[in-house]
């Protein structure tokens, strides 16, 4: 059964859940070949993306080679940094969803 998130159509209801240290584009490609219709990356720091952390950005290499929709999860506590990270991601990867996880506390 097809479904949508916004204007992104997902071919089935098989979703690859994010797993730290495992949910990289190579693993997603294997899962895509096995029938997954939608994948989600592990959490990526918005701050690391904005600061152009090499290791963090490398975790996104190959996303564009997938033929399924992918949501890139970002986390952070500063709205401006989160917005900038989302913009960086969408500039690098045209066909992705952004999954925003905010952290805040009154310390």
PDB file of N, CA and C in Angstrom:
ATOM      1  N   UNK A   1       0.835  -1.182   0.000  1.00  0.00           N
ATOM      2  CA  UNK A   1       0.000   0.000   0.000  1.00  0.00           C
ATOM      3  C   UNK A   1       0.877   1.242   0.000  1.00  0.00           C
ATOM      4  N   UNK A   2       0.692   2.109  -0.984  1.00  0.00           N
ATOM      5  CA  UNK A   2       1.436   3.356  -1.070  1.00  0.00           C
ATOM      6  C   UNK A   2       0.918   4.358  -0.033  1.00  0.00           C
ATOM      7  N   UNK A   3       1.786   5.253   0.387  1.00  0.00           N
ATOM      8  CA  UNK A   3       1.418   6.319   1.305  1.00  0.00           C
ATOM      9  C   UNK A   3       2.320   7.513   1.047  1.00  0.00           C
ATOM     10  N   UNK A   4       2.016   8.626   1.683  1.00  0.00           N
ATOM     11  CA  UNK A   4       2.766   9.858   1.441  1.00  0.00           C
ATOM     12  C   UNK A   4       3.141  10.566   2.734  1.00  0.00           C
ATOM     13  N   UNK A   5       4.264  11.252   2.655  1.00  0.00           N
ATOM     14  CA  UNK A   5       4.642  12.241   3.660  1.00  0.00           C
ATOM     15  C   UNK A   5       4.821  13.517   2.854  1.00  0.00           C
ATOM     16  N   UNK A   6       3.915  14.467   3.036  1.00  0.00           N
ATOM     17  CA  UNK A   6       3.930  15.662   2.191  1.00  0.00           C
ATOM     18  C   UNK A   6       3.719  15.256   0.743  1.00  0.00           C
ATOM     19  N   UNK A   7       4.636  15.647  -0.131  1.00  0.00           N
ATOM     20  CA  UNK A   7       4.512  15.270  -1.538  1.00  0.00           C
ATOM     21  C   UNK A   7       5.413  14.086  -1.907  1.00  0.00           C
ATOM     22  N   UNK A   8       6.008  13.454  -0.904  1.00  0.00           N
ATOM     23  CA  UNK A   8       6.879  12.300  -1.131  1.00  0.00           C
ATOM     24  C   UNK A   8       6.053  11.022  -1.052  1.00  0.00           C
ATOM     25  N   UNK A   9       6.016  10.278  -2.148  1.00  0.00           N
ATOM     26  CA  UNK A   9       5.275   9.018  -2.161  1.00  0.00           C
ATOM     27  C   UNK A   9       6.194   7.867  -1.777  1.00  0.00           C
ATOM     28  N   UNK A  10       5.690   7.014  -0.900  1.00  0.00           N
ATOM     29  CA  UNK A  10       6.430   5.851  -0.417  1.00  0.00           C
ATOM     30  C   UNK A  10       5.694   4.611  -0.914  1.00  0.00           C
ATOM     31  N   UNK A  11       6.445   3.711  -1.571  1.00  0.00           N
ATOM     32  CA  UNK A  11       5.823   2.608  -2.305  1.00  0.00           C
ATOM     33  C   UNK A  11       5.189   1.529  -1.443  1.00  0.00           C
ATOM     34  N   UNK A  12       5.638   1.388  -0.195  1.00  0.00           N
ATOM     35  CA  UNK A  12       5.049   0.382   0.692  1.00  0.00           C
ATOM     36  C   UNK A  12       5.223   0.806   2.145  1.00  0.00           C
ATOM     37  N   UNK A  13       4.759  -0.029   3.036  1.00  0.00           N
ATOM     38  CA  UNK A  13       4.799   0.320   4.455  1.00  0.00           C
ATOM     39  C   UNK A  13       5.968  -0.322   5.190  1.00  0.00           C
ATOM     40  N   UNK A  14       6.981  -0.738   4.443  1.00  0.00           N
ATOM     41  CA  UNK A  14       8.169  -1.314   5.065  1.00  0.00           C
ATOM     42  C   UNK A  14       9.177  -0.198   5.289  1.00  0.00           C
ATOM     43  N   UNK A  15       9.426   0.110   6.563  1.00  0.00           N
ATOM     44  CA  UNK A  15      10.279   1.235   6.937  1.00  0.00           C
ATOM     45  C   UNK A  15      11.514   0.716   7.671  1.00  0.00           C
ATOM     46  N   UNK A  16      12.684   1.206   7.242  1.00  0.00           N
ATOM     47  CA  UNK A  16      13.926   0.865   7.926  1.00  0.00           C
ATOM     48  C   UNK A  16      14.130   1.866   9.053  1.00  0.00           C
ATOM     49  N   UNK A  17      14.009   1.383  10.280  1.00  0.00           N
ATOM     50  CA  UNK A  17      14.165   2.246  11.450  1.00  0.00           C
ATOM     51  C   UNK A  17      15.633   2.635  11.616  1.00  0.00           C
ATOM     52  N   UNK A  18      15.884   3.787  12.204  1.00  0.00           N
ATOM     53  CA  UNK A  18      17.267   4.225  12.400  1.00  0.00           C
ATOM     54  C   UNK A  18      17.962   3.398  13.475  1.00  0.00           C
ATOM     55  N   UNK A  19      19.213   3.056  13.193  1.00  0.00           N
ATOM     56  CA  UNK A  19      20.019   2.308  14.152  1.00  0.00           C
ATOM     57  C   UNK A  19      21.410   2.920  14.184  1.00  0.00           C
ATOM     58  N   UNK A  20      21.821   3.395  15.342  1.00  0.00           N
ATOM     59  CA  UNK A  20      23.126   4.039  15.488  1.00  0.00           C
ATOM     60  C   UNK A  20      24.240   3.090  15.067  1.00  0.00           C
ATOM     61  N   UNK A  21      25.110   3.594  14.217  1.00  0.00           N
ATOM     62  CA  UNK A  21      26.251   2.813  13.760  1.00  0.00           C
ATOM     63  C   UNK A  21      25.935   1.819  12.661  1.00  0.00           C
ATOM     64  N   UNK A  22      24.676   1.714  12.257  1.00  0.00           N
ATOM     65  CA  UNK A  22      24.281   0.732  11.244  1.00  0.00           C
ATOM     66  C   UNK A  22      23.578   1.391  10.067  1.00  0.00           C
ATOM     67  N   UNK A  23      22.748   2.383  10.325  1.00  0.00           N
ATOM     68  CA  UNK A  23      21.908   2.980   9.280  1.00  0.00           C
ATOM     69  C   UNK A  23      22.692   3.911   8.362  1.00  0.00           C
ATOM     70  N   UNK A  24      23.642   3.341   7.623  1.00  0.00           N
ATOM     71  CA  UNK A  24      24.383   4.136   6.650  1.00  0.00           C
ATOM     72  C   UNK A  24      23.837   3.851   5.251  1.00  0.00           C
ATOM     73  N   UNK A  25      24.190   4.657   4.263  1.00  0.00           N
ATOM     74  CA  UNK A  25      23.638   4.470   2.924  1.00  0.00           C
ATOM     75  C   UNK A  25      23.894   3.084   2.314  1.00  0.00           C
ATOM     76  N   UNK A  26      25.025   2.466   2.615  1.00  0.00           N
ATOM     77  CA  UNK A  26      25.306   1.121   2.080  1.00  0.00           C
ATOM     78  C   UNK A  26      24.310   0.102   2.632  1.00  0.00           C
ATOM     79  N   UNK A  27      24.066   0.166   3.925  1.00  0.00           N
ATOM     80  CA  UNK A  27      23.098  -0.743   4.545  1.00  0.00           C
ATOM     81  C   UNK A  27      21.688  -0.462   4.019  1.00  0.00           C
ATOM     82  N   UNK A  28      21.374   0.825   3.852  1.00  0.00           N
ATOM     83  CA  UNK A  28      20.059   1.190   3.321  1.00  0.00           C
ATOM     84  C   UNK A  28      19.867   0.642   1.910  1.00  0.00           C
ATOM     85  N   UNK A  29      20.931   0.629   1.101  1.00  0.00           N
ATOM     86  CA  UNK A  29      20.843   0.102  -0.262  1.00  0.00           C
ATOM     87  C   UNK A  29      20.524  -1.387  -0.241  1.00  0.00           C
ATOM     88  N   UNK A  30      21.162  -2.122   0.642  1.00  0.00           N
ATOM     89  CA  UNK A  30      20.877  -3.551   0.777  1.00  0.00           C
ATOM     90  C   UNK A  30      19.414  -3.754   1.179  1.00  0.00           C
ATOM     91  N   UNK A  31      18.960  -2.970   2.144  1.00  0.00           N
ATOM     92  CA  UNK A  31      17.569  -3.084   2.606  1.00  0.00           C
ATOM     93  C   UNK A  31      16.591  -2.669   1.508  1.00  0.00           C
ATOM     94  N   UNK A  32      16.964  -1.666   0.718  1.00  0.00           N
ATOM     95  CA  UNK A  32      16.131  -1.260  -0.412  1.00  0.00           C
ATOM     96  C   UNK A  32      15.959  -2.434  -1.382  1.00  0.00           C
ATOM     97  N   UNK A  33      17.051  -3.134  -1.667  1.00  0.00           N
ATOM     98  CA  UNK A  33      17.001  -4.291  -2.565  1.00  0.00           C
ATOM     99  C   UNK A  33      16.131  -5.416  -2.000  1.00  0.00           C
ATOM    100  N   UNK A  34      15.951  -5.429  -0.679  1.00  0.00           N
ATOM    101  CA  UNK A  34      15.125  -6.449  -0.031  1.00  0.00           C
ATOM    102  C   UNK A  34      13.676  -5.991   0.151  1.00  0.00           C
ATOM    103  N   UNK A  35      13.343  -4.778  -0.338  1.00  0.00           N
ATOM    104  CA  UNK A  35      11.957  -4.347  -0.323  1.00  0.00           C
ATOM    105  C   UNK A  35      11.593  -3.180   0.557  1.00  0.00           C
ATOM    106  N   UNK A  36      12.544  -2.616   1.278  1.00  0.00           N
ATOM    107  CA  UNK A  36      12.242  -1.454   2.115  1.00  0.00           C
ATOM    108  C   UNK A  36      11.789  -0.293   1.231  1.00  0.00           C
ATOM    109  N   UNK A  37      10.749   0.409   1.673  1.00  0.00           N
ATOM    110  CA  UNK A  37      10.212   1.520   0.900  1.00  0.00           C
ATOM    111  C   UNK A  37      10.609   2.893   1.410  1.00  0.00           C
ATOM    112  N   UNK A  38      11.171   2.959   2.629  1.00  0.00           N
ATOM    113  CA  UNK A  38      11.487   4.239   3.262  1.00  0.00           C
ATOM    114  C   UNK A  38      12.520   3.979   4.338  1.00  0.00           C
ATOM    115  N   UNK A  39      13.529   4.847   4.436  1.00  0.00           N
ATOM    116  CA  UNK A  39      14.591   4.659   5.423  1.00  0.00           C
ATOM    117  C   UNK A  39      14.836   5.947   6.195  1.00  0.00           C
ATOM    118  N   UNK A  40      15.348   5.787   7.406  1.00  0.00           N
ATOM    119  CA  UNK A  40      15.636   6.920   8.275  1.00  0.00           C
ATOM    120  C   UNK A  40      17.070   6.769   8.786  1.00  0.00           C
ATOM    121  N   UNK A  41      17.842   7.853   8.700  1.00  0.00           N
ATOM    122  CA  UNK A  41      19.215   7.813   9.185  1.00  0.00           C
ATOM    123  C   UNK A  41      19.242   7.827  10.711  1.00  0.00           C
ATOM    124  N   UNK A  42      20.395   7.501  11.248  1.00  0.00           N
ATOM    125  CA  UNK A  42      20.572   7.683  12.682  1.00  0.00           C
ATOM    126  C   UNK A  42      20.634   9.176  12.972  1.00  0.00           C
ATOM    127  N   UNK A  43      20.553   9.544  14.233  1.00  0.00           N
ATOM    128  CA  UNK A  43      20.595  10.958  14.618  1.00  0.00           C
ATOM    129  C   UNK A  43      21.936  11.590  14.243  1.00  0.00           C
ATOM    130  N   UNK A  44      21.853  12.751  13.618  1.00  0.00           N
ATOM    131  CA  UNK A  44      23.045  13.515  13.278  1.00  0.00           C
ATOM    132  C   UNK A  44      22.964  14.867  13.972  1.00  0.00           C
ATOM    133  N   UNK A  45      24.057  15.306  14.512  1.00  0.00           N
ATOM    134  CA  UNK A  45      24.100  16.580  15.220  1.00  0.00           C
ATOM    135  C   UNK A  45      24.000  17.749  14.240  1.00  0.00           C
ATOM    136  N   UNK A  46      23.032  18.627  14.472  1.00  0.00           N
ATOM    137  CA  UNK A  46      22.904  19.834  13.651  1.00  0.00           C
ATOM    138  C   UNK A  46      24.161  20.692  13.786  1.00  0.00           C
ATOM    139  N   UNK A  47      24.688  20.765  14.975  1.00  0.00           N
ATOM    140  CA  UNK A  47      25.910  21.543  15.220  1.00  0.00           C
ATOM    141  C   UNK A  47      27.073  20.984  14.395  1.00  0.00           C
ATOM    142  N   UNK A  48      27.209  19.666  14.351  1.00  0.00           N
ATOM    143  CA  UNK A  48      28.285  19.042  13.573  1.00  0.00           C
ATOM    144  C   UNK A  48      28.109  19.301  12.076  1.00  0.00           C
ATOM    145  N   UNK A  49      26.872  19.303  11.612  1.00  0.00           N
ATOM    146  CA  UNK A  49      26.607  19.584  10.198  1.00  0.00           C
ATOM    147  C   UNK A  49      26.992  21.021   9.874  1.00  0.00           C
ATOM    148  N   UNK A  50      26.582  21.956  10.708  1.00  0.00           N
ATOM    149  CA  UNK A  50      26.882  23.375  10.485  1.00  0.00           C
ATOM    150  C   UNK A  50      28.389  23.624  10.537  1.00  0.00           C
ATOM    151  N   UNK A  51      29.068  22.934  11.416  1.00  0.00           N
ATOM    152  CA  UNK A  51      30.526  23.098  11.540  1.00  0.00           C
ATOM    153  C   UNK A  51      31.290  22.278  10.494  1.00  0.00           C
ATOM    154  N   UNK A  52      30.536  21.599   9.617  1.00  0.00           N
ATOM    155  CA  UNK A  52      31.100  20.792   8.530  1.00  0.00           C
ATOM    156  C   UNK A  52      32.015  19.689   9.042  1.00  0.00           C
ATOM    157  N   UNK A  53      31.579  19.033  10.112  1.00  0.00           N
ATOM    158  CA  UNK A  53      32.334  17.911  10.658  1.00  0.00           C
ATOM    159  C   UNK A  53      32.426  16.809   9.602  1.00  0.00           C
ATOM    160  N   UNK A  54      33.643  16.447   9.249  1.00  0.00           N
ATOM    161  CA  UNK A  54      33.885  15.502   8.158  1.00  0.00           C
ATOM    162  C   UNK A  54      33.196  14.157   8.402  1.00  0.00           C
ATOM    163  N   UNK A  55      33.342  13.619   9.589  1.00  0.00           N
ATOM    164  CA  UNK A  55      32.756  12.308   9.889  1.00  0.00           C
ATOM    165  C   UNK A  55      31.229  12.339   9.789  1.00  0.00           C
ATOM    166  N   UNK A  56      30.626  13.405  10.271  1.00  0.00           N
ATOM    167  CA  UNK A  56      29.168  13.537  10.202  1.00  0.00           C
ATOM    168  C   UNK A  56      28.696  13.637   8.760  1.00  0.00           C
ATOM    169  N   UNK A  57      29.346  14.484   7.967  1.00  0.00           N
ATOM    170  CA  UNK A  57      28.943  14.647   6.569  1.00  0.00           C
ATOM    171  C   UNK A  57      29.179  13.378   5.752  1.00  0.00           C
ATOM    172  N   UNK A  58      30.208  12.604   6.099  1.00  0.00           N
ATOM    173  CA  UNK A  58      30.471  11.344   5.399  1.00  0.00           C
ATOM    174  C   UNK A  58      29.348  10.335   5.613  1.00  0.00           C
ATOM    175  N   UNK A  59      28.622  10.463   6.716  1.00  0.00           N
ATOM    176  CA  UNK A  59      27.516   9.549   6.997  1.00  0.00           C
ATOM    177  C   UNK A  59      26.374   9.714   5.994  1.00  0.00           C
ATOM    178  N   UNK A  60      26.405  10.811   5.230  1.00  0.00           N
ATOM    179  CA  UNK A  60      25.366  11.069   4.240  1.00  0.00           C
ATOM    180  C   UNK A  60      25.797  10.708   2.822  1.00  0.00           C
ATOM    181  N   UNK A  61      27.078  10.366   2.633  1.00  0.00           N
ATOM    182  CA  UNK A  61      27.561  10.009   1.302  1.00  0.00           C
ATOM    183  C   UNK A  61      26.816   8.783   0.780  1.00  0.00           C
ATOM    184  N   UNK A  62      26.239   8.904  -0.384  1.00  0.00           N
ATOM    185  CA  UNK A  62      25.529   7.792  -1.003  1.00  0.00           C
ATOM    186  C   UNK A  62      24.025   7.852  -0.870  1.00  0.00           C
ATOM    187  N   UNK A  63      23.514   8.779  -0.094  1.00  0.00           N
ATOM    188  CA  UNK A  63      22.064   8.919   0.076  1.00  0.00           C
ATOM    189  C   UNK A  63      21.383   9.110  -1.284  1.00  0.00           C
ATOM    190  N   UNK A  64      22.002   9.919  -2.147  1.00  0.00           N
ATOM    191  CA  UNK A  64      21.399  10.224  -3.447  1.00  0.00           C
ATOM    192  C   UNK A  64      21.342   9.024  -4.391  1.00  0.00           C
ATOM    193  N   UNK A  65      22.086   7.972  -4.085  1.00  0.00           N
ATOM    194  CA  UNK A  65      22.084   6.774  -4.937  1.00  0.00           C
ATOM    195  C   UNK A  65      20.925   5.832  -4.610  1.00  0.00           C
ATOM    196  N   UNK A  66      20.216   6.126  -3.537  1.00  0.00           N
ATOM    197  CA  UNK A  66      19.078   5.290  -3.154  1.00  0.00           C
ATOM    198  C   UNK A  66      17.859   5.667  -3.989  1.00  0.00           C
ATOM    199  N   UNK A  67      17.026   4.687  -4.261  1.00  0.00           N
ATOM    200  CA  UNK A  67      15.805   4.917  -5.034  1.00  0.00           C
ATOM    201  C   UNK A  67      14.570   4.932  -4.152  1.00  0.00           C
ATOM    202  N   UNK A  68      14.774   5.119  -2.863  1.00  0.00           N
ATOM    203  CA  UNK A  68      13.676   5.208  -1.905  1.00  0.00           C
ATOM    204  C   UNK A  68      13.794   6.526  -1.156  1.00  0.00           C
ATOM    205  N   UNK A  69      12.698   7.025  -0.627  1.00  0.00           N
ATOM    206  CA  UNK A  69      12.776   8.232   0.201  1.00  0.00           C
ATOM    207  C   UNK A  69      13.579   7.966   1.476  1.00  0.00           C
ATOM    208  N   UNK A  70      14.349   8.966   1.875  1.00  0.00           N
ATOM    209  CA  UNK A  70      15.164   8.867   3.087  1.00  0.00           C
ATOM    210  C   UNK A  70      14.903  10.099   3.941  1.00  0.00           C
ATOM    211  N   UNK A  71      14.712   9.866   5.230  1.00  0.00           N
ATOM    212  CA  UNK A  71      14.610  10.960   6.195  1.00  0.00           C
ATOM    213  C   UNK A  71      15.943  11.061   6.922  1.00  0.00           C
ATOM    214  N   UNK A  72      16.480  12.257   6.971  1.00  0.00           N
ATOM    215  CA  UNK A  72      17.716  12.503   7.699  1.00  0.00           C
ATOM    216  C   UNK A  72      17.339  13.125   9.030  1.00  0.00           C
ATOM    217  N   UNK A  73      17.683  12.422  10.112  1.00  0.00           N
ATOM    218  CA  UNK A  73      17.360  12.901  11.458  1.00  0.00           C
ATOM    219  C   UNK A  73      18.447  13.849  11.942  1.00  0.00           C
ATOM    220  N   UNK A  74      18.045  15.022  12.370  1.00  0.00           N
ATOM    221  CA  UNK A  74      19.006  15.932  12.990  1.00  0.00           C
ATOM    222  C   UNK A  74      18.513  16.280  14.394  1.00  0.00           C
ATOM    223  N   UNK A  75      19.468  16.545  15.270  1.00  0.00           N
ATOM    224  CA  UNK A  75      19.091  16.950  16.620  1.00  0.00           C
ATOM    225  C   UNK A  75      19.904  18.167  17.036  1.00  0.00           C
ATOM    226  N   UNK A  76      19.336  18.923  17.948  1.00  0.00           N
ATOM    227  CA  UNK A  76      20.019  20.087  18.483  1.00  0.00           C
ATOM    228  C   UNK A  76      19.099  20.867  19.394  1.00  0.00           C
ATOM    229  N   UNK A  77      19.641  21.947  19.955  1.00  0.00           N
ATOM    230  CA  UNK A  77      18.849  22.741  20.892  1.00  0.00           C
ATOM    231  C   UNK A  77      18.689  24.190  20.443  1.00  0.00           C
ATOM    232  N   UNK A  78      19.408  24.596  19.416  1.00  0.00           N
ATOM    233  CA  UNK A  78      19.343  25.971  18.939  1.00  0.00           C
ATOM    234  C   UNK A  78      18.587  26.018  17.613  1.00  0.00           C
ATOM    235  N   UNK A  79      17.488  26.774  17.575  1.00  0.00           N
ATOM    236  CA  UNK A  79      16.634  26.815  16.387  1.00  0.00           C
ATOM    237  C   UNK A  79      17.385  27.306  15.151  1.00  0.00           C
ATOM    238  N   UNK A  80      18.220  28.308  15.294  1.00  0.00           N
ATOM    239  CA  UNK A  80      18.961  28.840  14.149  1.00  0.00           C
ATOM    240  C   UNK A  80      19.935  27.798  13.595  1.00  0.00           C
ATOM    241  N   UNK A  81      20.595  27.078  14.476  1.00  0.00           N
ATOM    242  CA  UNK A  81      21.529  26.031  14.043  1.00  0.00           C
ATOM    243  C   UNK A  81      20.780  24.899  13.360  1.00  0.00           C
ATOM    244  N   UNK A  82      19.623  24.539  13.912  1.00  0.00           N
ATOM    245  CA  UNK A  82      18.807  23.476  13.305  1.00  0.00           C
ATOM    246  C   UNK A  82      18.370  23.887  11.896  1.00  0.00           C
ATOM    247  N   UNK A  83      17.926  25.137  11.744  1.00  0.00           N
ATOM    248  CA  UNK A  83      17.490  25.622  10.434  1.00  0.00           C
ATOM    249  C   UNK A  83      18.644  25.635   9.445  1.00  0.00           C
ATOM    250  N   UNK A  84      19.809  26.064   9.896  1.00  0.00           N
ATOM    251  CA  UNK A  84      20.974  26.104   9.008  1.00  0.00           C
ATOM    252  C   UNK A  84      21.391  24.694   8.605  1.00  0.00           C
ATOM    253  N   UNK A  85      21.360  23.757   9.540  1.00  0.00           N
ATOM    254  CA  UNK A  85      21.708  22.371   9.220  1.00  0.00           C
ATOM    255  C   UNK A  85      20.734  21.789   8.205  1.00  0.00           C
ATOM    256  N   UNK A  86      19.458  22.061   8.377  1.00  0.00           N
ATOM    257  CA  UNK A  86      18.443  21.576   7.428  1.00  0.00           C
ATOM    258  C   UNK A  86      18.690  22.160   6.040  1.00  0.00           C
ATOM    259  N   UNK A  87      19.065  23.427   5.984  1.00  0.00           N
ATOM    260  CA  UNK A  87      19.355  24.069   4.695  1.00  0.00           C
ATOM    261  C   UNK A  87      20.574  23.447   4.036  1.00  0.00           C
ATOM    262  N   UNK A  88      21.611  23.178   4.811  1.00  0.00           N
ATOM    263  CA  UNK A  88      22.816  22.533   4.281  1.00  0.00           C
ATOM    264  C   UNK A  88      22.472  21.170   3.698  1.00  0.00           C
ATOM    265  N   UNK A  89      21.681  20.401   4.435  1.00  0.00           N
ATOM    266  CA  UNK A  89      21.298  19.067   3.970  1.00  0.00           C
ATOM    267  C   UNK A  89      20.506  19.152   2.672  1.00  0.00           C
ATOM    268  N   UNK A  90      19.536  20.043   2.620  1.00  0.00           N
ATOM    269  CA  UNK A  90      18.709  20.126   1.408  1.00  0.00           C
ATOM    270  C   UNK A  90      19.492  20.689   0.224  1.00  0.00           C
ATOM    271  N   UNK A  91      20.534  21.457   0.471  1.00  0.00           N
ATOM    272  CA  UNK A  91      21.398  21.912  -0.617  1.00  0.00           C
ATOM    273  C   UNK A  91      22.232  20.758  -1.166  1.00  0.00           C
ATOM    274  N   UNK A  92      22.639  19.841  -0.289  1.00  0.00           N
ATOM    275  CA  UNK A  92      23.459  18.699  -0.705  1.00  0.00           C
ATOM    276  C   UNK A  92      22.630  17.562  -1.286  1.00  0.00           C
ATOM    277  N   UNK A  93      21.434  17.376  -0.745  1.00  0.00           N
ATOM    278  CA  UNK A  93      20.590  16.235  -1.108  1.00  0.00           C
ATOM    279  C   UNK A  93      19.187  16.744  -1.415  1.00  0.00           C
ATOM    280  N   UNK A  94      18.822  16.694  -2.663  1.00  0.00           N
ATOM    281  CA  UNK A  94      17.555  17.269  -3.116  1.00  0.00           C
ATOM    282  C   UNK A  94      16.327  16.484  -2.671  1.00  0.00           C
ATOM    283  N   UNK A  95      16.422  15.177  -2.626  1.00  0.00           N
ATOM    284  CA  UNK A  95      15.230  14.348  -2.391  1.00  0.00           C
ATOM    285  C   UNK A  95      15.270  13.674  -1.026  1.00  0.00           C
ATOM    286  N   UNK A  96      15.289  14.463   0.024  1.00  0.00           N
ATOM    287  CA  UNK A  96      15.280  13.904   1.371  1.00  0.00           C
ATOM    288  C   UNK A  96      14.225  14.599   2.220  1.00  0.00           C
ATOM    289  N   UNK A  97      13.850  13.923   3.272  1.00  0.00           N
ATOM    290  CA  UNK A  97      12.994  14.512   4.303  1.00  0.00           C
ATOM    291  C   UNK A  97      13.896  14.860   5.481  1.00  0.00           C
ATOM    292  N   UNK A  98      13.550  15.860   6.226  1.00  0.00           N
ATOM    293  CA  UNK A  98      14.304  16.224   7.421  1.00  0.00           C
ATOM    294  C   UNK A  98      13.450  15.878   8.634  1.00  0.00           C
ATOM    295  N   UNK A  99      13.992  15.048   9.505  1.00  0.00           N
ATOM    296  CA  UNK A  99      13.333  14.643  10.747  1.00  0.00           C
ATOM    297  C   UNK A  99      14.023  15.412  11.872  1.00  0.00           C
ATOM    298  N   UNK A 100      13.303  16.359  12.463  1.00  0.00           N
ATOM    299  CA  UNK A 100      13.900  17.245  13.458  1.00  0.00           C
ATOM    300  C   UNK A 100      13.597  16.762  14.875  1.00  0.00           C
ATOM    301  N   UNK A 101      14.656  16.614  15.657  1.00  0.00           N
ATOM    302  CA  UNK A 101      14.555  16.229  17.060  1.00  0.00           C
ATOM    303  C   UNK A 101      15.170  17.345  17.885  1.00  0.00           C
ATOM    304  N   UNK A 102      14.360  18.013  18.675  1.00  0.00           N
ATOM    305  CA  UNK A 102      14.869  19.127  19.463  1.00  0.00           C
ATOM    306  C   UNK A 102      15.154  18.692  20.885  1.00  0.00           C
ATOM    307  N   UNK A 103      16.128  19.362  21.441  1.00  0.00           N
ATOM    308  CA  UNK A 103      16.536  19.126  22.829  1.00  0.00           C
ATOM    309  C   UNK A 103      16.503  20.475  23.515  1.00  0.00           C
ATOM    310  N   UNK A 104      15.860  20.561  24.628  1.00  0.00           N
ATOM    311  CA  UNK A 104      15.888  21.811  25.368  1.00  0.00           C
ATOM    312  C   UNK A 104      15.786  21.492  26.844  1.00  0.00           C
ATOM    313  N   UNK A 105      16.344  22.358  27.624  1.00  0.00           N
ATOM    314  CA  UNK A 105      16.217  22.209  29.068  1.00  0.00           C
ATOM    315  C   UNK A 105      16.398  23.571  29.720  1.00  0.00           C
ATOM    316  N   UNK A 106      15.822  23.709  30.878  1.00  0.00           N
ATOM    317  CA  UNK A 106      16.050  24.892  31.693  1.00  0.00           C
ATOM    318  C   UNK A 106      17.049  24.474  32.746  1.00  0.00           C
ATOM    319  N   UNK A 107      18.284  24.736  32.450  1.00  0.00           N
ATOM    320  CA  UNK A 107      19.350  24.287  33.358  1.00  0.00           C
ATOM    321  C   UNK A 107      19.707  25.362  34.352  1.00  0.00           C
TER     322      UNK A 107
END
